[in-house]
């Protein structure tokens, strides 16, 4: 059975030959361990697609998550200078702004005075919203513009052609052997990224009606992008809804500000495509698994265990069995980053034992693998699953 077949079986709640393995790696891990330059990985579609494939092969993952959009192939024309300062690369742009690119973490784009731009809630017009990409190569703008474009794009042609280039590159590299997933941001995540988290959460208190109007518009863009990825032939769409856990919002707020809009995206994608759509939410989600299922999602990703979150795998398996596939639950910090070989072996063994019955389980870290996680620790996952995860 190929990796692609194995993943598809698990995502469709069937029993494959063994438990699949697929972790999301932090971008800093690609910077440190792919052998490619961070600047090439972050700023070029070719660099990221190559890095994704290199580490998928090294770790024998059954799937790849493409978690950055394709990049403008002509971005270099906007660079005024590049200089190295210790472990960071500083890119100065022709508009006077600059980017700090660490060797082991995501870069950040700054205004000339060292601040980051965020619009205020008062100035937002929901009708001018469509989609917000948190990891474009420049800062978030409003109304939203891509890279260094001067004017917003019309909604009917909102996503630049190059936006799909990284997904296309990965699909070309792996052929029909590996499961390829593409990431979109949930309306709720987009809203928080647009205003910055504190201001967005205050907006929920100040004017929930306007927040809902914003989320309605942002769900249109997310649906559009999800359909574009599905049309490319990806094996699954991941809705990144990282900030919808109990550490940030209540179940009541989840039901009001998250559930309807993720449900809308999933429903619209499924009208045209058979592509599985699943949900990534970090932290404390043990109290809202039922609401996540109510979105129509095909799967739930991360399932952070204590102390990072509130999900016990046995309980999640009981609640979600036959409803959604589940992916994750290995503590990426205390187990994979800091744990010994014996710690990892014990941890993986009991998670396979808990998640394996009746299929529908994908072994993974709960959230991203930390940049400086020893590669040999990650390599243990596929080796252990080959031994313990057979059906």
Foldseek 3Di string as FASTA:
>chain_A
DFLQVCVLCLLVLFADQFFFADAFAALLQLLVPQPDHSCCCQAALLNVLSSQVSVCVVQVHQEGEDEAFHHDPPLVVQWPDWDDDPQWIWTAGVVQKIWTGGSRHQIATAHNVRHADADAPVPDDLVLDAAWHCRAPHGADVVGDGRPDDDQDPNVCRDDPRRCSNVLSNCVVQPSRHAYEYEGEQLVVRQCSRHPPVNSLVCCVVPVPVLQSNNVRHLNNRLVVVLVSVVSPHQAYEHEHAQLAPVHDDLVCCLVRPQVSLLVSQVSNVVPGPRAYAYEYWAECPVPPVSRLSSVHQEYAQQEPPPRHPHDLLVCCVVCNPRHAYEAHAALPVQQQVNDPVSLLVRLQVNLVRRQPSRRYHYYHSHHRHNPGPSVSSSVNVVSRVVRTGD
